[in-house]
PDB file of N, CA and C in Angstrom:
ATOM      1  N   UNK A   1     111.630 150.441 114.920  1.00  0.00           N
ATOM      2  CA  UNK A   1     110.584 149.585 114.422  1.00  0.00           C
ATOM      3  C   UNK A   1     110.363 149.897 112.945  1.00  0.00           C
ATOM      4  N   UNK A   2     110.172 148.867 112.151  1.00  0.00           N
ATOM      5  CA  UNK A   2     109.974 149.007 110.725  1.00  0.00           C
ATOM      6  C   UNK A   2     108.568 148.546 110.377  1.00  0.00           C
ATOM      7  N   UNK A   3     107.754 149.461 109.889  1.00  0.00           N
ATOM      8  CA  UNK A   3     106.368 149.136 109.578  1.00  0.00           C
ATOM      9  C   UNK A   3     106.059 149.651 108.185  1.00  0.00           C
ATOM     10  N   UNK A   4     105.371 148.835 107.416  1.00  0.00           N
ATOM     11  CA  UNK A   4     104.902 149.267 106.112  1.00  0.00           C
ATOM     12  C   UNK A   4     103.413 149.552 106.202  1.00  0.00           C
ATOM     13  N   UNK A   5     102.953 150.433 105.351  1.00  0.00           N
ATOM     14  CA  UNK A   5     101.523 150.757 105.338  1.00  0.00           C
ATOM     15  C   UNK A   5     100.708 149.485 105.114  1.00  0.00           C
ATOM     16  N   UNK A   6      99.743 149.293 105.976  1.00  0.00           N
ATOM     17  CA  UNK A   6      98.826 148.187 105.798  1.00  0.00           C
ATOM     18  C   UNK A   6      99.400 146.818 106.076  1.00  0.00           C
ATOM     19  N   UNK A   7     100.634 146.750 106.565  1.00  0.00           N
ATOM     20  CA  UNK A   7     101.262 145.467 106.844  1.00  0.00           C
ATOM     21  C   UNK A   7     101.669 145.408 108.307  1.00  0.00           C
ATOM     22  N   UNK A   8     101.739 144.216 108.849  1.00  0.00           N
ATOM     23  CA  UNK A   8     102.147 144.098 110.250  1.00  0.00           C
ATOM     24  C   UNK A   8     103.611 144.463 110.442  1.00  0.00           C
ATOM     25  N   UNK A   9     103.969 144.699 111.701  1.00  0.00           N
ATOM     26  CA  UNK A   9     105.348 145.022 112.057  1.00  0.00           C
ATOM     27  C   UNK A   9     106.274 143.908 111.574  1.00  0.00           C
ATOM     28  N   UNK A  10     107.355 144.278 110.890  1.00  0.00           N
ATOM     29  CA  UNK A  10     108.303 143.296 110.394  1.00  0.00           C
ATOM     30  C   UNK A  10     109.255 142.904 111.509  1.00  0.00           C
ATOM     31  N   UNK A  11     109.952 143.878 112.089  1.00  0.00           N
ATOM     32  CA  UNK A  11     110.905 143.565 113.147  1.00  0.00           C
ATOM     33  C   UNK A  11     111.503 144.841 113.719  1.00  0.00           C
ATOM     34  N   UNK A  12     112.025 144.709 114.946  1.00  0.00           N
ATOM     35  CA  UNK A  12     112.798 145.784 115.543  1.00  0.00           C
ATOM     36  C   UNK A  12     114.293 145.529 115.350  1.00  0.00           C
ATOM     37  N   UNK A  13     114.650 144.353 114.891  1.00  0.00           N
ATOM     38  CA  UNK A  13     116.048 143.963 114.722  1.00  0.00           C
ATOM     39  C   UNK A  13     116.632 144.650 113.484  1.00  0.00           C
ATOM     40  N   UNK A  14     117.683 145.481 113.652  1.00  0.00           N
ATOM     41  CA  UNK A  14     118.264 146.187 112.503  1.00  0.00           C
ATOM     42  C   UNK A  14     118.736 145.245 111.393  1.00  0.00           C
ATOM     43  N   UNK A  15     119.210 144.057 111.760  1.00  0.00           N
ATOM     44  CA  UNK A  15     119.670 143.107 110.735  1.00  0.00           C
ATOM     45  C   UNK A  15     118.504 142.604 109.881  1.00  0.00           C
ATOM     46  N   UNK A  16     117.348 142.424 110.493  1.00  0.00           N
ATOM     47  CA  UNK A  16     116.164 141.997 109.751  1.00  0.00           C
ATOM     48  C   UNK A  16     115.679 143.132 108.852  1.00  0.00           C
ATOM     49  N   UNK A  17     115.704 144.340 109.376  1.00  0.00           N
ATOM     50  CA  UNK A  17     115.321 145.509 108.581  1.00  0.00           C
ATOM     51  C   UNK A  17     116.247 145.637 107.379  1.00  0.00           C
ATOM     52  N   UNK A  18     117.553 145.538 107.616  1.00  0.00           N
ATOM     53  CA  UNK A  18     118.519 145.612 106.517  1.00  0.00           C
ATOM     54  C   UNK A  18     118.250 144.536 105.477  1.00  0.00           C
ATOM     55  N   UNK A  19     118.017 143.306 105.934  1.00  0.00           N
ATOM     56  CA  UNK A  19     117.779 142.195 105.011  1.00  0.00           C
ATOM     57  C   UNK A  19     116.547 142.464 104.143  1.00  0.00           C
ATOM     58  N   UNK A  20     115.505 142.963 104.759  1.00  0.00           N
ATOM     59  CA  UNK A  20     114.292 143.283 104.023  1.00  0.00           C
ATOM     60  C   UNK A  20     114.552 144.375 102.976  1.00  0.00           C
ATOM     61  N   UNK A  21     115.265 145.419 103.392  1.00  0.00           N
ATOM     62  CA  UNK A  21     115.549 146.526 102.470  1.00  0.00           C
ATOM     63  C   UNK A  21     116.493 146.104 101.362  1.00  0.00           C
ATOM     64  N   UNK A  22     117.483 145.284 101.678  1.00  0.00           N
ATOM     65  CA  UNK A  22     118.408 144.785 100.657  1.00  0.00           C
ATOM     66  C   UNK A  22     117.637 143.957  99.624  1.00  0.00           C
ATOM     67  N   UNK A  23     116.793 143.048 100.101  1.00  0.00           N
ATOM     68  CA  UNK A  23     116.007 142.221  99.179  1.00  0.00           C
ATOM     69  C   UNK A  23     115.112 143.092  98.301  1.00  0.00           C
ATOM     70  N   UNK A  24     114.515 144.105  98.881  1.00  0.00           N
ATOM     71  CA  UNK A  24     113.656 145.011  98.114  1.00  0.00           C
ATOM     72  C   UNK A  24     114.468 145.815  97.102  1.00  0.00           C
ATOM     73  N   UNK A  25     115.635 146.286  97.518  1.00  0.00           N
ATOM     74  CA  UNK A  25     116.491 147.063  96.610  1.00  0.00           C
ATOM     75  C   UNK A  25     116.950 146.202  95.436  1.00  0.00           C
ATOM     76  N   UNK A  26     117.244 144.933  95.705  1.00  0.00           N
ATOM     77  CA  UNK A  26     117.630 144.021  94.615  1.00  0.00           C
ATOM     78  C   UNK A  26     116.528 143.882  93.579  1.00  0.00           C
ATOM     79  N   UNK A  27     115.302 144.017  94.017  1.00  0.00           N
ATOM     80  CA  UNK A  27     114.164 143.915  93.103  1.00  0.00           C
ATOM     81  C   UNK A  27     113.913 145.229  92.364  1.00  0.00           C
ATOM     82  N   UNK A  28     114.779 146.203  92.607  1.00  0.00           N
ATOM     83  CA  UNK A  28     114.674 147.474  91.905  1.00  0.00           C
ATOM     84  C   UNK A  28     113.923 148.564  92.640  1.00  0.00           C
ATOM     85  N   UNK A  29     113.575 148.328  93.878  1.00  0.00           N
ATOM     86  CA  UNK A  29     112.859 149.339  94.647  1.00  0.00           C
ATOM     87  C   UNK A  29     113.848 150.386  95.162  1.00  0.00           C
ATOM     88  N   UNK A  30     113.913 151.494  94.464  1.00  0.00           N
ATOM     89  CA  UNK A  30     114.859 152.555  94.823  1.00  0.00           C
ATOM     90  C   UNK A  30     114.560 153.163  96.194  1.00  0.00           C
ATOM     91  N   UNK A  31     113.311 153.174  96.563  1.00  0.00           N
ATOM     92  CA  UNK A  31     112.953 153.700  97.897  1.00  0.00           C
ATOM     93  C   UNK A  31     113.591 152.862  99.000  1.00  0.00           C
ATOM     94  N   UNK A  32     113.696 151.559  98.774  1.00  0.00           N
ATOM     95  CA  UNK A  32     114.317 150.680  99.768  1.00  0.00           C
ATOM     96  C   UNK A  32     115.800 151.016  99.903  1.00  0.00           C
ATOM     97  N   UNK A  33     116.461 151.273  98.778  1.00  0.00           N
ATOM     98  CA  UNK A  33     117.880 151.643  98.835  1.00  0.00           C
ATOM     99  C   UNK A  33     118.035 153.003  99.508  1.00  0.00           C
ATOM    100  N   UNK A  34     117.164 153.925  99.188  1.00  0.00           N
ATOM    101  CA  UNK A  34     117.210 155.245  99.830  1.00  0.00           C
ATOM    102  C   UNK A  34     117.012 155.112 101.339  1.00  0.00           C
ATOM    103  N   UNK A  35     116.173 154.193 101.746  1.00  0.00           N
ATOM    104  CA  UNK A  35     115.956 153.959 103.182  1.00  0.00           C
ATOM    105  C   UNK A  35     117.217 153.392 103.831  1.00  0.00           C
ATOM    106  N   UNK A  36     117.912 152.483 103.119  1.00  0.00           N
ATOM    107  CA  UNK A  36     119.194 151.974 103.622  1.00  0.00           C
ATOM    108  C   UNK A  36     120.186 153.114 103.822  1.00  0.00           C
ATOM    109  N   UNK A  37     120.262 153.987 102.836  1.00  0.00           N
ATOM    110  CA  UNK A  37     121.162 155.138 102.936  1.00  0.00           C
ATOM    111  C   UNK A  37     120.786 155.975 104.156  1.00  0.00           C
ATOM    112  N   UNK A  38     119.509 156.209 104.341  1.00  0.00           N
ATOM    113  CA  UNK A  38     119.059 156.998 105.478  1.00  0.00           C
ATOM    114  C   UNK A  38     119.336 156.333 106.817  1.00  0.00           C
ATOM    115  N   UNK A  39     119.158 155.031 106.862  1.00  0.00           N
ATOM    116  CA  UNK A  39     119.356 154.308 108.121  1.00  0.00           C
ATOM    117  C   UNK A  39     120.822 154.081 108.463  1.00  0.00           C
ATOM    118  N   UNK A  40     121.650 153.846 107.474  1.00  0.00           N
ATOM    119  CA  UNK A  40     123.037 153.428 107.727  1.00  0.00           C
ATOM    120  C   UNK A  40     124.087 154.458 107.310  1.00  0.00           C
ATOM    121  N   UNK A  41     123.661 155.552 106.683  1.00  0.00           N
ATOM    122  CA  UNK A  41     124.611 156.554 106.209  1.00  0.00           C
ATOM    123  C   UNK A  41     125.465 157.165 107.307  1.00  0.00           C
ATOM    124  N   UNK A  42     124.856 157.492 108.426  1.00  0.00           N
ATOM    125  CA  UNK A  42     125.606 158.103 109.529  1.00  0.00           C
ATOM    126  C   UNK A  42     126.639 157.131 110.084  1.00  0.00           C
ATOM    127  N   UNK A  43     126.283 155.871 110.168  1.00  0.00           N
ATOM    128  CA  UNK A  43     127.228 154.860 110.684  1.00  0.00           C
ATOM    129  C   UNK A  43     128.425 154.712 109.743  1.00  0.00           C
ATOM    130  N   UNK A  44     128.166 154.712 108.431  1.00  0.00           N
ATOM    131  CA  UNK A  44     129.267 154.619 107.472  1.00  0.00           C
ATOM    132  C   UNK A  44     130.150 155.866 107.546  1.00  0.00           C
ATOM    133  N   UNK A  45     129.531 157.035 107.695  1.00  0.00           N
ATOM    134  CA  UNK A  45     130.314 158.262 107.802  1.00  0.00           C
ATOM    135  C   UNK A  45     131.174 158.248 109.066  1.00  0.00           C
ATOM    136  N   UNK A  46     130.618 157.831 110.178  1.00  0.00           N
ATOM    137  CA  UNK A  46     131.383 157.755 111.434  1.00  0.00           C
ATOM    138  C   UNK A  46     132.583 156.835 111.267  1.00  0.00           C
ATOM    139  N   UNK A  47     132.366 155.717 110.611  1.00  0.00           N
ATOM    140  CA  UNK A  47     133.466 154.770 110.361  1.00  0.00           C
ATOM    141  C   UNK A  47     134.530 155.419 109.468  1.00  0.00           C
ATOM    142  N   UNK A  48     134.096 156.053 108.395  1.00  0.00           N
ATOM    143  CA  UNK A  48     135.038 156.711 107.482  1.00  0.00           C
ATOM    144  C   UNK A  48     135.810 157.814 108.194  1.00  0.00           C
ATOM    145  N   UNK A  49     135.126 158.544 109.042  1.00  0.00           N
ATOM    146  CA  UNK A  49     135.766 159.648 109.762  1.00  0.00           C
ATOM    147  C   UNK A  49     136.850 159.144 110.709  1.00  0.00           C
ATOM    148  N   UNK A  50     136.634 157.960 111.268  1.00  0.00           N
ATOM    149  CA  UNK A  50     137.658 157.365 112.131  1.00  0.00           C
ATOM    150  C   UNK A  50     138.872 156.894 111.337  1.00  0.00           C
ATOM    151  N   UNK A  51     138.663 156.617 110.050  1.00  0.00           N
ATOM    152  CA  UNK A  51     139.748 156.112 109.214  1.00  0.00           C
ATOM    153  C   UNK A  51     140.556 157.217 108.542  1.00  0.00           C
ATOM    154  N   UNK A  52     140.026 158.427 108.512  1.00  0.00           N
ATOM    155  CA  UNK A  52     140.766 159.539 107.915  1.00  0.00           C
ATOM    156  C   UNK A  52     140.591 160.771 108.785  1.00  0.00           C
ATOM    157  N   UNK A  53     141.449 161.733 108.574  1.00  0.00           N
ATOM    158  CA  UNK A  53     141.419 162.914 109.440  1.00  0.00           C
ATOM    159  C   UNK A  53     140.738 164.125 108.803  1.00  0.00           C
ATOM    160  N   UNK A  54     140.007 163.896 107.726  1.00  0.00           N
ATOM    161  CA  UNK A  54     139.390 165.003 107.015  1.00  0.00           C
ATOM    162  C   UNK A  54     137.915 164.702 106.760  1.00  0.00           C
ATOM    163  N   UNK A  55     137.041 165.589 107.187  1.00  0.00           N
ATOM    164  CA  UNK A  55     135.594 165.374 107.056  1.00  0.00           C
ATOM    165  C   UNK A  55     135.163 165.277 105.599  1.00  0.00           C
ATOM    166  N   UNK A  56     135.732 166.114 104.754  1.00  0.00           N
ATOM    167  CA  UNK A  56     135.356 166.102 103.340  1.00  0.00           C
ATOM    168  C   UNK A  56     135.790 164.803 102.668  1.00  0.00           C
ATOM    169  N   UNK A  57     136.983 164.331 102.995  1.00  0.00           N
ATOM    170  CA  UNK A  57     137.459 163.058 102.454  1.00  0.00           C
ATOM    171  C   UNK A  57     136.573 161.918 102.930  1.00  0.00           C
ATOM    172  N   UNK A  58     136.167 161.954 104.192  1.00  0.00           N
ATOM    173  CA  UNK A  58     135.282 160.920 104.734  1.00  0.00           C
ATOM    174  C   UNK A  58     133.953 160.920 103.981  1.00  0.00           C
ATOM    175  N   UNK A  59     133.418 162.091 103.719  1.00  0.00           N
ATOM    176  CA  UNK A  59     132.152 162.185 102.974  1.00  0.00           C
ATOM    177  C   UNK A  59     132.316 161.622 101.564  1.00  0.00           C
ATOM    178  N   UNK A  60     133.441 161.931 100.907  1.00  0.00           N
ATOM    179  CA  UNK A  60     133.707 161.392  99.572  1.00  0.00           C
ATOM    180  C   UNK A  60     133.810 159.873  99.602  1.00  0.00           C
ATOM    181  N   UNK A  61     134.450 159.337 100.638  1.00  0.00           N
ATOM    182  CA  UNK A  61     134.578 157.881 100.771  1.00  0.00           C
ATOM    183  C   UNK A  61     133.211 157.227 100.923  1.00  0.00           C
ATOM    184  N   UNK A  62     132.354 157.840 101.716  1.00  0.00           N
ATOM    185  CA  UNK A  62     131.027 157.275 101.928  1.00  0.00           C
ATOM    186  C   UNK A  62     130.217 157.325 100.635  1.00  0.00           C
ATOM    187  N   UNK A  63     130.328 158.412  99.918  1.00  0.00           N
ATOM    188  CA  UNK A  63     129.617 158.519  98.647  1.00  0.00           C
ATOM    189  C   UNK A  63     130.092 157.428  97.689  1.00  0.00           C
ATOM    190  N   UNK A  64     131.409 157.225  97.599  1.00  0.00           N
ATOM    191  CA  UNK A  64     131.949 156.165  96.749  1.00  0.00           C
ATOM    192  C   UNK A  64     131.482 154.795  97.242  1.00  0.00           C
ATOM    193  N   UNK A  65     131.413 154.625  98.547  1.00  0.00           N
ATOM    194  CA  UNK A  65     130.950 153.356  99.117  1.00  0.00           C
ATOM    195  C   UNK A  65     129.514 153.066  98.692  1.00  0.00           C
ATOM    196  N   UNK A  66     128.642 154.070  98.727  1.00  0.00           N
ATOM    197  CA  UNK A  66     127.254 153.830  98.332  1.00  0.00           C
ATOM    198  C   UNK A  66     127.166 153.422  96.868  1.00  0.00           C
ATOM    199  N   UNK A  67     128.028 153.969  96.020  1.00  0.00           N
ATOM    200  CA  UNK A  67     128.053 153.548  94.609  1.00  0.00           C
ATOM    201  C   UNK A  67     128.464 152.075  94.526  1.00  0.00           C
ATOM    202  N   UNK A  68     129.520 151.706  95.247  1.00  0.00           N
ATOM    203  CA  UNK A  68     129.979 150.326  95.236  1.00  0.00           C
ATOM    204  C   UNK A  68     128.957 149.380  95.870  1.00  0.00           C
ATOM    205  N   UNK A  69     128.284 149.840  96.900  1.00  0.00           N
ATOM    206  CA  UNK A  69     127.247 149.033  97.540  1.00  0.00           C
ATOM    207  C   UNK A  69     126.116 148.767  96.547  1.00  0.00           C
ATOM    208  N   UNK A  70     125.665 149.797  95.866  1.00  0.00           N
ATOM    209  CA  UNK A  70     124.587 149.637  94.887  1.00  0.00           C
ATOM    210  C   UNK A  70     124.998 148.633  93.816  1.00  0.00           C
ATOM    211  N   UNK A  71     126.215 148.776  93.302  1.00  0.00           N
ATOM    212  CA  UNK A  71     126.691 147.874  92.246  1.00  0.00           C
ATOM    213  C   UNK A  71     126.878 146.448  92.741  1.00  0.00           C
ATOM    214  N   UNK A  72     127.248 146.295  94.002  1.00  0.00           N
ATOM    215  CA  UNK A  72     127.548 144.971  94.528  1.00  0.00           C
ATOM    216  C   UNK A  72     126.440 144.313  95.313  1.00  0.00           C
ATOM    217  N   UNK A  73     125.287 144.947  95.373  1.00  0.00           N
ATOM    218  CA  UNK A  73     124.194 144.443  96.200  1.00  0.00           C
ATOM    219  C   UNK A  73     123.794 143.012  95.835  1.00  0.00           C
ATOM    220  N   UNK A  74     123.821 142.694  94.562  1.00  0.00           N
ATOM    221  CA  UNK A  74     123.449 141.336  94.137  1.00  0.00           C
ATOM    222  C   UNK A  74     124.466 140.294  94.596  1.00  0.00           C
ATOM    223  N   UNK A  75     125.683 140.718  94.887  1.00  0.00           N
ATOM    224  CA  UNK A  75     126.714 139.790  95.333  1.00  0.00           C
ATOM    225  C   UNK A  75     126.741 139.554  96.832  1.00  0.00           C
ATOM    226  N   UNK A  76     125.955 140.305  97.582  1.00  0.00           N
ATOM    227  CA  UNK A  76     125.903 140.129  99.027  1.00  0.00           C
ATOM    228  C   UNK A  76     125.213 138.804  99.329  1.00  0.00           C
ATOM    229  N   UNK A  77     125.944 137.872  99.945  1.00  0.00           N
ATOM    230  CA  UNK A  77     125.405 136.529 100.175  1.00  0.00           C
ATOM    231  C   UNK A  77     124.445 136.451 101.358  1.00  0.00           C
ATOM    232  N   UNK A  78     124.712 137.219 102.391  1.00  0.00           N
ATOM    233  CA  UNK A  78     123.866 137.185 103.593  1.00  0.00           C
ATOM    234  C   UNK A  78     123.274 138.570 103.800  1.00  0.00           C
ATOM    235  N   UNK A  79     122.011 138.710 103.440  1.00  0.00           N
ATOM    236  CA  UNK A  79     121.357 140.018 103.548  1.00  0.00           C
ATOM    237  C   UNK A  79     121.378 140.566 104.972  1.00  0.00           C
ATOM    238  N   UNK A  80     121.435 139.671 105.961  1.00  0.00           N
ATOM    239  CA  UNK A  80     121.463 140.098 107.357  1.00  0.00           C
ATOM    240  C   UNK A  80     122.823 140.712 107.734  1.00  0.00           C
ATOM    241  N   UNK A  81     123.827 140.515 106.896  1.00  0.00           N
ATOM    242  CA  UNK A  81     125.176 141.022 107.174  1.00  0.00           C
ATOM    243  C   UNK A  81     125.466 142.301 106.398  1.00  0.00           C
ATOM    244  N   UNK A  82     124.433 143.049 106.048  1.00  0.00           N
ATOM    245  CA  UNK A  82     124.626 144.250 105.238  1.00  0.00           C
ATOM    246  C   UNK A  82     125.590 145.249 105.870  1.00  0.00           C
ATOM    247  N   UNK A  83     125.383 145.605 107.126  1.00  0.00           N
ATOM    248  CA  UNK A  83     126.200 146.652 107.742  1.00  0.00           C
ATOM    249  C   UNK A  83     127.677 146.267 107.812  1.00  0.00           C
ATOM    250  N   UNK A  84     128.039 145.079 108.280  1.00  0.00           N
ATOM    251  CA  UNK A  84     129.461 144.724 108.281  1.00  0.00           C
ATOM    252  C   UNK A  84     130.064 144.742 106.871  1.00  0.00           C
ATOM    253  N   UNK A  85     129.298 144.290 105.903  1.00  0.00           N
ATOM    254  CA  UNK A  85     129.744 144.299 104.511  1.00  0.00           C
ATOM    255  C   UNK A  85     129.971 145.736 104.037  1.00  0.00           C
ATOM    256  N   UNK A  86     129.032 146.626 104.323  1.00  0.00           N
ATOM    257  CA  UNK A  86     129.158 148.027 103.921  1.00  0.00           C
ATOM    258  C   UNK A  86     130.342 148.691 104.618  1.00  0.00           C
ATOM    259  N   UNK A  87     130.559 148.374 105.878  1.00  0.00           N
ATOM    260  CA  UNK A  87     131.711 148.935 106.606  1.00  0.00           C
ATOM    261  C   UNK A  87     133.029 148.453 106.000  1.00  0.00           C
ATOM    262  N   UNK A  88     133.074 147.211 105.554  1.00  0.00           N
ATOM    263  CA  UNK A  88     134.291 146.707 104.890  1.00  0.00           C
ATOM    264  C   UNK A  88     134.550 147.451 103.586  1.00  0.00           C
ATOM    265  N   UNK A  89     133.500 147.786 102.881  1.00  0.00           N
ATOM    266  CA  UNK A  89     133.661 148.558 101.641  1.00  0.00           C
ATOM    267  C   UNK A  89     134.274 149.918 101.958  1.00  0.00           C
ATOM    268  N   UNK A  90     133.785 150.586 102.985  1.00  0.00           N
ATOM    269  CA  UNK A  90     134.352 151.878 103.395  1.00  0.00           C
ATOM    270  C   UNK A  90     135.820 151.702 103.775  1.00  0.00           C
ATOM    271  N   UNK A  91     136.127 150.643 104.494  1.00  0.00           N
ATOM    272  CA  UNK A  91     137.510 150.379 104.905  1.00  0.00           C
ATOM    273  C   UNK A  91     138.410 150.188 103.690  1.00  0.00           C
ATOM    274  N   UNK A  92     137.945 149.427 102.705  1.00  0.00           N
ATOM    275  CA  UNK A  92     138.743 149.218 101.474  1.00  0.00           C
ATOM    276  C   UNK A  92     138.970 150.526 100.732  1.00  0.00           C
ATOM    277  N   UNK A  93     137.948 151.360 100.673  1.00  0.00           N
ATOM    278  CA  UNK A  93     138.085 152.663 100.001  1.00  0.00           C
ATOM    279  C   UNK A  93     139.102 153.522 100.738  1.00  0.00           C
ATOM    280  N   UNK A  94     139.054 153.512 102.060  1.00  0.00           N
ATOM    281  CA  UNK A  94     140.017 154.283 102.858  1.00  0.00           C
ATOM    282  C   UNK A  94     141.433 153.770 102.625  1.00  0.00           C
ATOM    283  N   UNK A  95     141.596 152.462 102.546  1.00  0.00           N
ATOM    284  CA  UNK A  95     142.923 151.884 102.296  1.00  0.00           C
ATOM    285  C   UNK A  95     143.438 152.287 100.914  1.00  0.00           C
ATOM    286  N   UNK A  96     142.554 152.252  99.911  1.00  0.00           N
ATOM    287  CA  UNK A  96     142.961 152.684  98.559  1.00  0.00           C
ATOM    288  C   UNK A  96     143.369 154.146  98.572  1.00  0.00           C
ATOM    289  N   UNK A  97     142.604 154.965  99.275  1.00  0.00           N
ATOM    290  CA  UNK A  97     142.916 156.394  99.375  1.00  0.00           C
ATOM    291  C   UNK A  97     144.269 156.623 100.025  1.00  0.00           C
ATOM    292  N   UNK A  98     144.527 155.906 101.084  1.00  0.00           N
ATOM    293  CA  UNK A  98     145.803 156.037 101.777  1.00  0.00           C
ATOM    294  C   UNK A  98     146.961 155.574 100.890  1.00  0.00           C
ATOM    295  N   UNK A  99     146.785 154.442 100.227  1.00  0.00           N
ATOM    296  CA  UNK A  99     147.841 153.964  99.305  1.00  0.00           C
ATOM    297  C   UNK A  99     148.110 154.995  98.213  1.00  0.00           C
ATOM    298  N   UNK A 100     147.036 155.622  97.716  1.00  0.00           N
ATOM    299  CA  UNK A 100     147.196 156.636  96.684  1.00  0.00           C
ATOM    300  C   UNK A 100     147.969 157.854  97.173  1.00  0.00           C
ATOM    301  N   UNK A 101     147.746 158.217  98.404  1.00  0.00           N
ATOM    302  CA  UNK A 101     148.462 159.371  98.961  1.00  0.00           C
ATOM    303  C   UNK A 101     149.920 159.043  99.263  1.00  0.00           C
ATOM    304  N   UNK A 102     150.207 157.786  99.597  1.00  0.00           N
ATOM    305  CA  UNK A 102     151.572 157.386  99.926  1.00  0.00           C
ATOM    306  C   UNK A 102     152.410 157.108  98.683  1.00  0.00           C
ATOM    307  N   UNK A 103     151.744 156.853  97.562  1.00  0.00           N
ATOM    308  CA  UNK A 103     152.478 156.524  96.329  1.00  0.00           C
ATOM    309  C   UNK A 103     153.151 157.710  95.712  1.00  0.00           C
TER     310      UNK A 103
END
């Protein structure tokens, strides 16, 4: 459940919560972005860990993903699709990492 001080309950739906936080982060609210990191960081790490066999590399990929997410937040067309979009960013980073190791 997502509740703000003095405001009614927004939603229990994670997609609605993400959309609200994305919109707030776009307006420059760093706390909203920090909340996104807190809510979705473990999911991104789990995804990265499945894509590589090294925990440290997975952590580096997630850190790079958060940088790319922050930079690309204004380009996200559907705020409700934040998590799939963020997971694709992690996947692209993993693919770049793999290509770099194979080159």
